[in-house]
Amino acid sequence: MSNWIRVAPLNEFPQLGARVVRHDGKEIAVFRNAGEDVFAMNDSCPHKGGPLSQGIVYGNTVTCPLHGMNICFDDGKALAPDEGCVGTYPVKVEEGVVFLQV
């Protein structure tokens, strides 16, 4: 069974940035793009385990800070020519607050 957990108010997320949520031993990066869209995925690049939360956000992707792998927020898949996938999580914003489904 999945639960929605409160993360933080949206205005506490920097545009083009991320925050890390720790839940049940997992580190989950919650990102905000240039607008008010939020996305969540495991905070570990499939290539070498780099911290995606420290990557560069552009549109609906994040670039791993270690080796430049680009990961799509929508499905967690690496963009070609790279290969790999990261687990993603549903997120929503209600009344200005970000919630994560775990």
PDB file of N, CA and C in Angstrom:
ATOM      1  N   MET A   1       0.831  -1.175   0.000  1.00  0.00           N
ATOM      2  CA  MET A   1       0.000   0.000   0.000  1.00  0.00           C
ATOM      3  C   MET A   1       0.881   1.247   0.000  1.00  0.00           C
ATOM      4  N   SER A   2       0.549   2.214  -0.826  1.00  0.00           N
ATOM      5  CA  SER A   2       1.322   3.441  -0.940  1.00  0.00           C
ATOM      6  C   SER A   2       0.721   4.539  -0.082  1.00  0.00           C
ATOM      7  N   ASN A   3       1.598   5.385   0.413  1.00  0.00           N
ATOM      8  CA  ASN A   3       1.175   6.518   1.217  1.00  0.00           C
ATOM      9  C   ASN A   3       1.758   7.799   0.645  1.00  0.00           C
ATOM     10  N   TRP A   4       1.028   8.884   0.810  1.00  0.00           N
ATOM     11  CA  TRP A   4       1.532  10.200   0.440  1.00  0.00           C
ATOM     12  C   TRP A   4       2.135  10.826   1.689  1.00  0.00           C
ATOM     13  N   ILE A   5       3.373  11.303   1.577  1.00  0.00           N
ATOM     14  CA  ILE A   5       4.000  11.993   2.696  1.00  0.00           C
ATOM     15  C   ILE A   5       4.248  13.454   2.321  1.00  0.00           C
ATOM     16  N   ARG A   6       4.089  14.317   3.307  1.00  0.00           N
ATOM     17  CA  ARG A   6       4.329  15.741   3.100  1.00  0.00           C
ATOM     18  C   ARG A   6       5.833  15.958   3.064  1.00  0.00           C
ATOM     19  N   VAL A   7       6.302  16.691   2.046  1.00  0.00           N
ATOM     20  CA  VAL A   7       7.731  16.964   1.932  1.00  0.00           C
ATOM     21  C   VAL A   7       8.043  18.364   2.462  1.00  0.00           C
ATOM     22  N   ALA A   8       7.497  19.385   1.801  1.00  0.00           N
ATOM     23  CA  ALA A   8       7.759  20.773   2.195  1.00  0.00           C
ATOM     24  C   ALA A   8       6.933  21.688   1.308  1.00  0.00           C
ATOM     25  N   PRO A   9       6.797  22.951   1.694  1.00  0.00           N
ATOM     26  CA  PRO A   9       6.134  23.906   0.807  1.00  0.00           C
ATOM     27  C   PRO A   9       6.925  24.062  -0.494  1.00  0.00           C
ATOM     28  N   LEU A  10       6.223  24.229  -1.597  1.00  0.00           N
ATOM     29  CA  LEU A  10       6.869  24.373  -2.905  1.00  0.00           C
ATOM     30  C   LEU A  10       7.866  25.522  -2.905  1.00  0.00           C
ATOM     31  N   ASN A  11       7.558  26.609  -2.216  1.00  0.00           N
ATOM     32  CA  ASN A  11       8.460  27.764  -2.244  1.00  0.00           C
ATOM     33  C   ASN A  11       9.779  27.505  -1.519  1.00  0.00           C
ATOM     34  N   GLU A  12       9.910  26.375  -0.838  1.00  0.00           N
ATOM     35  CA  GLU A  12      11.183  26.002  -0.221  1.00  0.00           C
ATOM     36  C   GLU A  12      12.080  25.212  -1.175  1.00  0.00           C
ATOM     37  N   PHE A  13      11.565  24.891  -2.353  1.00  0.00           N
ATOM     38  CA  PHE A  13      12.351  24.206  -3.379  1.00  0.00           C
ATOM     39  C   PHE A  13      12.906  25.257  -4.327  1.00  0.00           C
ATOM     40  N   PRO A  14      14.218  25.321  -4.487  1.00  0.00           N
ATOM     41  CA  PRO A  14      14.758  26.289  -5.438  1.00  0.00           C
ATOM     42  C   PRO A  14      14.392  25.893  -6.865  1.00  0.00           C
ATOM     43  N   GLN A  15      14.092  26.887  -7.690  1.00  0.00           N
ATOM     44  CA  GLN A  15      13.866  26.567  -9.098  1.00  0.00           C
ATOM     45  C   GLN A  15      15.159  25.974  -9.642  1.00  0.00           C
ATOM     46  N   LEU A  16      15.020  24.947 -10.471  1.00  0.00           N
ATOM     47  CA  LEU A  16      16.144  24.218 -11.064  1.00  0.00           C
ATOM     48  C   LEU A  16      17.023  23.563  -9.992  1.00  0.00           C
ATOM     49  N   GLY A  17      16.396  23.168  -8.891  1.00  0.00           N
ATOM     50  CA  GLY A  17      17.140  22.549  -7.806  1.00  0.00           C
ATOM     51  C   GLY A  17      16.417  21.346  -7.236  1.00  0.00           C
ATOM     52  N   ALA A  18      16.943  20.834  -6.124  1.00  0.00           N
ATOM     53  CA  ALA A  18      16.380  19.620  -5.523  1.00  0.00           C
ATOM     54  C   ALA A  18      16.577  19.618  -4.019  1.00  0.00           C
ATOM     55  N   ARG A  19      15.797  18.785  -3.372  1.00  0.00           N
ATOM     56  CA  ARG A  19      15.953  18.454  -1.956  1.00  0.00           C
ATOM     57  C   ARG A  19      15.945  16.937  -1.848  1.00  0.00           C
ATOM     58  N   VAL A  20      16.604  16.420  -0.837  1.00  0.00           N
ATOM     59  CA  VAL A  20      16.650  14.972  -0.631  1.00  0.00           C
ATOM     60  C   VAL A  20      15.735  14.601   0.530  1.00  0.00           C
ATOM     61  N   VAL A  21      14.903  13.587   0.280  1.00  0.00           N
ATOM     62  CA  VAL A  21      14.010  13.042   1.295  1.00  0.00           C
ATOM     63  C   VAL A  21      14.519  11.648   1.639  1.00  0.00           C
ATOM     64  N   ARG A  22      14.653  11.366   2.905  1.00  0.00           N
ATOM     65  CA  ARG A  22      15.062  10.026   3.340  1.00  0.00           C
ATOM     66  C   ARG A  22      13.830   9.311   3.868  1.00  0.00           C
ATOM     67  N   HIS A  23      13.554   8.133   3.289  1.00  0.00           N
ATOM     68  CA  HIS A  23      12.375   7.372   3.689  1.00  0.00           C
ATOM     69  C   HIS A  23      12.679   5.884   3.583  1.00  0.00           C
ATOM     70  N   ASP A  24      12.491   5.161   4.666  1.00  0.00           N
ATOM     71  CA  ASP A  24      12.729   3.713   4.709  1.00  0.00           C
ATOM     72  C   ASP A  24      14.098   3.328   4.153  1.00  0.00           C
ATOM     73  N   GLY A  25      15.117   4.066   4.534  1.00  0.00           N
ATOM     74  CA  GLY A  25      16.475   3.760   4.111  1.00  0.00           C
ATOM     75  C   GLY A  25      16.825   4.189   2.701  1.00  0.00           C
ATOM     76  N   LYS A  26      15.916   4.843   2.011  1.00  0.00           N
ATOM     77  CA  LYS A  26      16.171   5.306   0.646  1.00  0.00           C
ATOM     78  C   LYS A  26      16.362   6.816   0.639  1.00  0.00           C
ATOM     79  N   GLU A  27      17.218   7.272  -0.257  1.00  0.00           N
ATOM     80  CA  GLU A  27      17.365   8.700  -0.489  1.00  0.00           C
ATOM     81  C   GLU A  27      16.666   9.018  -1.802  1.00  0.00           C
ATOM     82  N   ILE A  28      15.672   9.884  -1.719  1.00  0.00           N
ATOM     83  CA  ILE A  28      14.856  10.250  -2.875  1.00  0.00           C
ATOM     84  C   ILE A  28      15.070  11.729  -3.153  1.00  0.00           C
ATOM     85  N   ALA A  29      15.466  12.048  -4.379  1.00  0.00           N
ATOM     86  CA  ALA A  29      15.647  13.439  -4.781  1.00  0.00           C
ATOM     87  C   ALA A  29      14.325  13.970  -5.320  1.00  0.00           C
ATOM     88  N   VAL A  30      13.895  15.104  -4.791  1.00  0.00           N
ATOM     89  CA  VAL A  30      12.681  15.766  -5.268  1.00  0.00           C
ATOM     90  C   VAL A  30      13.130  17.057  -5.943  1.00  0.00           C
ATOM     91  N   PHE A  31      12.852  17.160  -7.234  1.00  0.00           N
ATOM     92  CA  PHE A  31      13.329  18.260  -8.063  1.00  0.00           C
ATOM     93  C   PHE A  31      12.214  19.239  -8.400  1.00  0.00           C
ATOM     94  N   ARG A  32      12.615  20.469  -8.672  1.00  0.00           N
ATOM     95  CA  ARG A  32      11.698  21.477  -9.215  1.00  0.00           C
ATOM     96  C   ARG A  32      12.343  22.036 -10.473  1.00  0.00           C
ATOM     97  N   ASN A  33      11.561  22.133 -11.544  1.00  0.00           N
ATOM     98  CA  ASN A  33      12.105  22.713 -12.767  1.00  0.00           C
ATOM     99  C   ASN A  33      11.979  24.237 -12.702  1.00  0.00           C
ATOM    100  N   ALA A  34      12.096  24.912 -13.838  1.00  0.00           N
ATOM    101  CA  ALA A  34      12.051  26.376 -13.857  1.00  0.00           C
ATOM    102  C   ALA A  34      10.674  26.921 -13.497  1.00  0.00           C
ATOM    103  N   GLY A  35       9.656  26.084 -13.589  1.00  0.00           N
ATOM    104  CA  GLY A  35       8.305  26.505 -13.236  1.00  0.00           C
ATOM    105  C   GLY A  35       7.910  25.967 -11.883  1.00  0.00           C
ATOM    106  N   GLU A  36       6.704  25.414 -11.827  1.00  0.00           N
ATOM    107  CA  GLU A  36       6.216  24.857 -10.567  1.00  0.00           C
ATOM    108  C   GLU A  36       6.040  23.347 -10.635  1.00  0.00           C
ATOM    109  N   ASP A  37       6.664  22.712 -11.630  1.00  0.00           N
ATOM    110  CA  ASP A  37       6.582  21.258 -11.765  1.00  0.00           C
ATOM    111  C   ASP A  37       7.603  20.603 -10.845  1.00  0.00           C
ATOM    112  N   VAL A  38       7.188  19.516 -10.193  1.00  0.00           N
ATOM    113  CA  VAL A  38       8.086  18.766  -9.321  1.00  0.00           C
ATOM    114  C   VAL A  38       8.150  17.310  -9.779  1.00  0.00           C
ATOM    115  N   PHE A  39       9.283  16.690  -9.531  1.00  0.00           N
ATOM    116  CA  PHE A  39       9.547  15.316  -9.951  1.00  0.00           C
ATOM    117  C   PHE A  39      10.352  14.640  -8.849  1.00  0.00           C
ATOM    118  N   ALA A  40      10.264  13.323  -8.755  1.00  0.00           N
ATOM    119  CA  ALA A  40      11.032  12.609  -7.732  1.00  0.00           C
ATOM    120  C   ALA A  40      11.597  11.315  -8.295  1.00  0.00           C
ATOM    121  N   MET A  41      12.819  11.020  -7.881  1.00  0.00           N
ATOM    122  CA  MET A  41      13.490   9.783  -8.291  1.00  0.00           C
ATOM    123  C   MET A  41      14.547   9.431  -7.256  1.00  0.00           C
ATOM    124  N   ASN A  42      15.005   8.192  -7.314  1.00  0.00           N
ATOM    125  CA  ASN A  42      16.089   7.787  -6.427  1.00  0.00           C
ATOM    126  C   ASN A  42      17.290   8.692  -6.670  1.00  0.00           C
ATOM    127  N   ASP A  43      17.970   9.046  -5.605  1.00  0.00           N
ATOM    128  CA  ASP A  43      19.087   9.993  -5.694  1.00  0.00           C
ATOM    129  C   ASP A  43      20.396   9.291  -6.012  1.00  0.00           C
ATOM    130  N   SER A  44      20.384   8.438  -7.022  1.00  0.00           N
ATOM    131  CA  SER A  44      21.577   7.684  -7.377  1.00  0.00           C
ATOM    132  C   SER A  44      21.590   7.415  -8.874  1.00  0.00           C
ATOM    133  N   CYS A  45      22.591   7.949  -9.551  1.00  0.00           N
ATOM    134  CA  CYS A  45      22.725   7.748 -10.997  1.00  0.00           C
ATOM    135  C   CYS A  45      22.964   6.263 -11.295  1.00  0.00           C
ATOM    136  N   PRO A  46      22.330   5.727 -12.340  1.00  0.00           N
ATOM    137  CA  PRO A  46      22.520   4.310 -12.658  1.00  0.00           C
ATOM    138  C   PRO A  46      23.924   3.983 -13.173  1.00  0.00           C
ATOM    139  N   HIS A  47      24.692   4.990 -13.552  1.00  0.00           N
ATOM    140  CA  HIS A  47      26.025   4.752 -14.100  1.00  0.00           C
ATOM    141  C   HIS A  47      27.038   4.449 -13.001  1.00  0.00           C
ATOM    142  N   LYS A  48      27.225   5.389 -12.081  1.00  0.00           N
ATOM    143  CA  LYS A  48      28.226   5.214 -11.021  1.00  0.00           C
ATOM    144  C   LYS A  48      27.705   5.616  -9.648  1.00  0.00           C
ATOM    145  N   GLY A  49      26.383   5.790  -9.534  1.00  0.00           N
ATOM    146  CA  GLY A  49      25.805   6.105  -8.235  1.00  0.00           C
ATOM    147  C   GLY A  49      25.941   7.547  -7.798  1.00  0.00           C
ATOM    148  N   GLY A  50      26.234   8.440  -8.739  1.00  0.00           N
ATOM    149  CA  GLY A  50      26.377   9.856  -8.402  1.00  0.00           C
ATOM    150  C   GLY A  50      25.099  10.447  -7.835  1.00  0.00           C
ATOM    151  N   PRO A  51      25.211  11.489  -7.008  1.00  0.00           N
ATOM    152  CA  PRO A  51      24.041  12.114  -6.389  1.00  0.00           C
ATOM    153  C   PRO A  51      23.284  12.994  -7.385  1.00  0.00           C
ATOM    154  N   LEU A  52      22.186  12.495  -7.903  1.00  0.00           N
ATOM    155  CA  LEU A  52      21.418  13.255  -8.891  1.00  0.00           C
ATOM    156  C   LEU A  52      20.898  14.568  -8.323  1.00  0.00           C
ATOM    157  N   SER A  53      20.677  14.625  -7.014  1.00  0.00           N
ATOM    158  CA  SER A  53      20.185  15.856  -6.390  1.00  0.00           C
ATOM    159  C   SER A  53      21.175  17.009  -6.539  1.00  0.00           C
ATOM    160  N   GLN A  54      22.421  16.702  -6.849  1.00  0.00           N
ATOM    161  CA  GLN A  54      23.432  17.734  -7.051  1.00  0.00           C
ATOM    162  C   GLN A  54      23.662  18.023  -8.528  1.00  0.00           C
ATOM    163  N   GLY A  55      22.822  17.432  -9.384  1.00  0.00           N
ATOM    164  CA  GLY A  55      22.965  17.610 -10.818  1.00  0.00           C
ATOM    165  C   GLY A  55      22.336  18.897 -11.318  1.00  0.00           C
ATOM    166  N   ILE A  56      22.440  19.096 -12.618  1.00  0.00           N
ATOM    167  CA  ILE A  56      21.892  20.280 -13.276  1.00  0.00           C
ATOM    168  C   ILE A  56      20.529  19.934 -13.848  1.00  0.00           C
ATOM    169  N   VAL A  57      19.516  20.710 -13.463  1.00  0.00           N
ATOM    170  CA  VAL A  57      18.151  20.510 -13.949  1.00  0.00           C
ATOM    171  C   VAL A  57      17.941  21.375 -15.180  1.00  0.00           C
ATOM    172  N   TYR A  58      17.431  20.745 -16.244  1.00  0.00           N
ATOM    173  CA  TYR A  58      17.119  21.471 -17.469  1.00  0.00           C
ATOM    174  C   TYR A  58      15.838  20.878 -18.041  1.00  0.00           C
ATOM    175  N   GLY A  59      14.780  21.670 -18.065  1.00  0.00           N
ATOM    176  CA  GLY A  59      13.504  21.162 -18.576  1.00  0.00           C
ATOM    177  C   GLY A  59      13.014  20.016 -17.720  1.00  0.00           C
ATOM    178  N   ASN A  60      12.830  18.857 -18.334  1.00  0.00           N
ATOM    179  CA  ASN A  60      12.361  17.668 -17.618  1.00  0.00           C
ATOM    180  C   ASN A  60      13.460  16.627 -17.472  1.00  0.00           C
ATOM    181  N   THR A  61      14.705  17.106 -17.352  1.00  0.00           N
ATOM    182  CA  THR A  61      15.837  16.195 -17.179  1.00  0.00           C
ATOM    183  C   THR A  61      16.776  16.715 -16.093  1.00  0.00           C
ATOM    184  N   VAL A  62      17.602  15.803 -15.596  1.00  0.00           N
ATOM    185  CA  VAL A  62      18.687  16.173 -14.694  1.00  0.00           C
ATOM    186  C   VAL A  62      19.959  15.533 -15.239  1.00  0.00           C
ATOM    187  N   THR A  63      21.067  16.265 -15.148  1.00  0.00           N
ATOM    188  CA  THR A  63      22.360  15.768 -15.594  1.00  0.00           C
ATOM    189  C   THR A  63      23.185  15.390 -14.377  1.00  0.00           C
ATOM    190  N   CYS A  64      23.646  14.151 -14.342  1.00  0.00           N
ATOM    191  CA  CYS A  64      24.453  13.672 -13.221  1.00  0.00           C
ATOM    192  C   CYS A  64      25.721  14.520 -13.107  1.00  0.00           C
ATOM    193  N   PRO A  65      26.070  14.953 -11.885  1.00  0.00           N
ATOM    194  CA  PRO A  65      27.247  15.800 -11.724  1.00  0.00           C
ATOM    195  C   PRO A  65      28.579  15.068 -11.912  1.00  0.00           C
ATOM    196  N   LEU A  66      28.568  13.745 -11.894  1.00  0.00           N
ATOM    197  CA  LEU A  66      29.827  13.012 -12.014  1.00  0.00           C
ATOM    198  C   LEU A  66      30.275  12.789 -13.452  1.00  0.00           C
ATOM    199  N   HIS A  67      29.377  12.309 -14.298  1.00  0.00           N
ATOM    200  CA  HIS A  67      29.789  11.938 -15.650  1.00  0.00           C
ATOM    201  C   HIS A  67      28.873  12.456 -16.745  1.00  0.00           C
ATOM    202  N   GLY A  68      27.907  13.299 -16.405  1.00  0.00           N
ATOM    203  CA  GLY A  68      27.094  13.941 -17.429  1.00  0.00           C
ATOM    204  C   GLY A  68      25.957  13.118 -18.000  1.00  0.00           C
ATOM    205  N   MET A  69      25.596  12.007 -17.375  1.00  0.00           N
ATOM    206  CA  MET A  69      24.459  11.230 -17.868  1.00  0.00           C
ATOM    207  C   MET A  69      23.180  12.029 -17.655  1.00  0.00           C
ATOM    208  N   ASN A  70      22.336  12.096 -18.688  1.00  0.00           N
ATOM    209  CA  ASN A  70      21.067  12.814 -18.609  1.00  0.00           C
ATOM    210  C   ASN A  70      19.938  11.836 -18.330  1.00  0.00           C
ATOM    211  N   ILE A  71      19.140  12.142 -17.302  1.00  0.00           N
ATOM    212  CA  ILE A  71      18.036  11.283 -16.876  1.00  0.00           C
ATOM    213  C   ILE A  71      16.734  12.057 -17.026  1.00  0.00           C
ATOM    214  N   CYS A  72      15.740  11.411 -17.638  1.00  0.00           N
ATOM    215  CA  CYS A  72      14.427  12.021 -17.839  1.00  0.00           C
ATOM    216  C   CYS A  72      13.591  11.880 -16.569  1.00  0.00           C
ATOM    217  N   PHE A  73      12.984  12.986 -16.121  1.00  0.00           N
ATOM    218  CA  PHE A  73      12.138  12.932 -14.932  1.00  0.00           C
ATOM    219  C   PHE A  73      10.884  12.093 -15.146  1.00  0.00           C
ATOM    220  N   ASP A  74      10.359  12.084 -16.356  1.00  0.00           N
ATOM    221  CA  ASP A  74       9.082  11.418 -16.615  1.00  0.00           C
ATOM    222  C   ASP A  74       9.121   9.915 -16.364  1.00  0.00           C
ATOM    223  N   ASP A  75      10.204   9.258 -16.792  1.00  0.00           N
ATOM    224  CA  ASP A  75      10.260   7.798 -16.670  1.00  0.00           C
ATOM    225  C   ASP A  75      11.539   7.278 -16.015  1.00  0.00           C
ATOM    226  N   GLY A  76      12.465   8.170 -15.673  1.00  0.00           N
ATOM    227  CA  GLY A  76      13.704   7.762 -15.029  1.00  0.00           C
ATOM    228  C   GLY A  76      14.732   7.156 -15.954  1.00  0.00           C
ATOM    229  N   LYS A  77      14.472   7.161 -17.259  1.00  0.00           N
ATOM    230  CA  LYS A  77      15.393   6.544 -18.213  1.00  0.00           C
ATOM    231  C   LYS A  77      16.479   7.524 -18.648  1.00  0.00           C
ATOM    232  N   ALA A  78      17.673   6.966 -18.863  1.00  0.00           N
ATOM    233  CA  ALA A  78      18.773   7.755 -19.399  1.00  0.00           C
ATOM    234  C   ALA A  78      18.480   8.088 -20.855  1.00  0.00           C
ATOM    235  N   LEU A  79      18.878   9.290 -21.258  1.00  0.00           N
ATOM    236  CA  LEU A  79      18.697   9.690 -22.645  1.00  0.00           C
ATOM    237  C   LEU A  79      19.834   9.128 -23.487  1.00  0.00           C
ATOM    238  N   ALA A  80      19.531   8.744 -24.727  1.00  0.00           N
ATOM    239  CA  ALA A  80      20.527   8.184 -25.637  1.00  0.00           C
ATOM    240  C   ALA A  80      21.661   9.192 -25.816  1.00  0.00           C
ATOM    241  N   PRO A  81      22.878   8.725 -25.934  1.00  0.00           N
ATOM    242  CA  PRO A  81      23.295   7.343 -26.152  1.00  0.00           C
ATOM    243  C   PRO A  81      23.483   6.547 -24.858  1.00  0.00           C
ATOM    244  N   ASP A  82      23.264   7.190 -23.707  1.00  0.00           N
ATOM    245  CA  ASP A  82      23.438   6.477 -22.439  1.00  0.00           C
ATOM    246  C   ASP A  82      22.317   5.473 -22.219  1.00  0.00           C
ATOM    247  N   GLU A  83      22.568   4.522 -21.328  1.00  0.00           N
ATOM    248  CA  GLU A  83      21.568   3.516 -20.981  1.00  0.00           C
ATOM    249  C   GLU A  83      21.484   3.398 -19.468  1.00  0.00           C
ATOM    250  N   GLY A  84      20.310   3.064 -18.994  1.00  0.00           N
ATOM    251  CA  GLY A  84      20.099   2.890 -17.566  1.00  0.00           C
ATOM    252  C   GLY A  84      18.774   3.491 -17.162  1.00  0.00           C
ATOM    253  N   CYS A  85      18.374   3.234 -15.935  1.00  0.00           N
ATOM    254  CA  CYS A  85      17.081   3.715 -15.458  1.00  0.00           C
ATOM    255  C   CYS A  85      17.144   3.912 -13.945  1.00  0.00           C
ATOM    256  N   VAL A  86      16.418   4.919 -13.482  1.00  0.00           N
ATOM    257  CA  VAL A  86      16.325   5.245 -12.063  1.00  0.00           C
ATOM    258  C   VAL A  86      14.864   5.127 -11.656  1.00  0.00           C
ATOM    259  N   GLY A  87      14.604   4.619 -10.470  1.00  0.00           N
ATOM    260  CA  GLY A  87      13.233   4.541  -9.976  1.00  0.00           C
ATOM    261  C   GLY A  87      12.645   5.927  -9.756  1.00  0.00           C
ATOM    262  N   THR A  88      11.405   6.120 -10.187  1.00  0.00           N
ATOM    263  CA  THR A  88      10.720   7.398 -10.017  1.00  0.00           C
ATOM    264  C   THR A  88       9.544   7.235  -9.059  1.00  0.00           C
ATOM    265  N   TYR A  89       9.060   8.353  -8.559  1.00  0.00           N
ATOM    266  CA  TYR A  89       7.960   8.365  -7.599  1.00  0.00           C
ATOM    267  C   TYR A  89       6.944   9.423  -7.995  1.00  0.00           C
ATOM    268  N   PRO A  90       5.660   9.152  -7.793  1.00  0.00           N
ATOM    269  CA  PRO A  90       4.644  10.179  -8.037  1.00  0.00           C
ATOM    270  C   PRO A  90       4.789  11.318  -7.019  1.00  0.00           C
ATOM    271  N   VAL A  91       4.604  12.527  -7.495  1.00  0.00           N
ATOM    272  CA  VAL A  91       4.584  13.703  -6.628  1.00  0.00           C
ATOM    273  C   VAL A  91       3.402  14.568  -7.015  1.00  0.00           C
ATOM    274  N   LYS A  92       2.958  15.384  -6.074  1.00  0.00           N
ATOM    275  CA  LYS A  92       1.874  16.318  -6.361  1.00  0.00           C
ATOM    276  C   LYS A  92       2.058  17.544  -5.485  1.00  0.00           C
ATOM    277  N   VAL A  93       1.435  18.640  -5.929  1.00  0.00           N
ATOM    278  CA  VAL A  93       1.433  19.868  -5.152  1.00  0.00           C
ATOM    279  C   VAL A  93      -0.017  20.189  -4.834  1.00  0.00           C
ATOM    280  N   GLU A  94      -0.313  20.304  -3.553  1.00  0.00           N
ATOM    281  CA  GLU A  94      -1.657  20.665  -3.108  1.00  0.00           C
ATOM    282  C   GLU A  94      -1.552  21.856  -2.170  1.00  0.00           C
ATOM    283  N   GLU A  95      -2.273  22.911  -2.502  1.00  0.00           N
ATOM    284  CA  GLU A  95      -2.284  24.130  -1.690  1.00  0.00           C
ATOM    285  C   GLU A  95      -0.865  24.606  -1.380  1.00  0.00           C
ATOM    286  N   GLY A  96       0.015  24.519  -2.393  1.00  0.00           N
ATOM    287  CA  GLY A  96       1.379  25.013  -2.250  1.00  0.00           C
ATOM    288  C   GLY A  96       2.327  24.106  -1.500  1.00  0.00           C
ATOM    289  N   VAL A  97       1.914  22.864  -1.216  1.00  0.00           N
ATOM    290  CA  VAL A  97       2.758  21.918  -0.481  1.00  0.00           C
ATOM    291  C   VAL A  97       3.049  20.708  -1.366  1.00  0.00           C
ATOM    292  N   VAL A  98       4.308  20.266  -1.362  1.00  0.00           N
ATOM    293  CA  VAL A  98       4.732  19.111  -2.158  1.00  0.00           C
ATOM    294  C   VAL A  98       4.526  17.832  -1.347  1.00  0.00           C
ATOM    295  N   PHE A  99       3.908  16.835  -2.004  1.00  0.00           N
ATOM    296  CA  PHE A  99       3.691  15.514  -1.410  1.00  0.00           C
ATOM    297  C   PHE A  99       4.340  14.466  -2.303  1.00  0.00           C
ATOM    298  N   LEU A 100       4.877  13.427  -1.683  1.00  0.00           N
ATOM    299  CA  LEU A 100       5.571  12.338  -2.364  1.00  0.00           C
ATOM    300  C   LEU A 100       4.873  11.035  -2.027  1.00  0.00           C
ATOM    301  N   GLN A 101       4.613  10.219  -3.058  1.00  0.00           N
ATOM    302  CA  GLN A 101       3.998   8.913  -2.819  1.00  0.00           C
ATOM    303  C   GLN A 101       5.089   7.869  -2.675  1.00  0.00           C
ATOM    304  N   VAL A 102       5.065   7.166  -1.532  1.00  0.00           N
ATOM    305  CA  VAL A 102       6.095   6.147  -1.264  1.00  0.00           C
ATOM    306  C   VAL A 102       5.455   4.804  -0.977  1.00  0.00           C
TER     307      VAL A 102
END
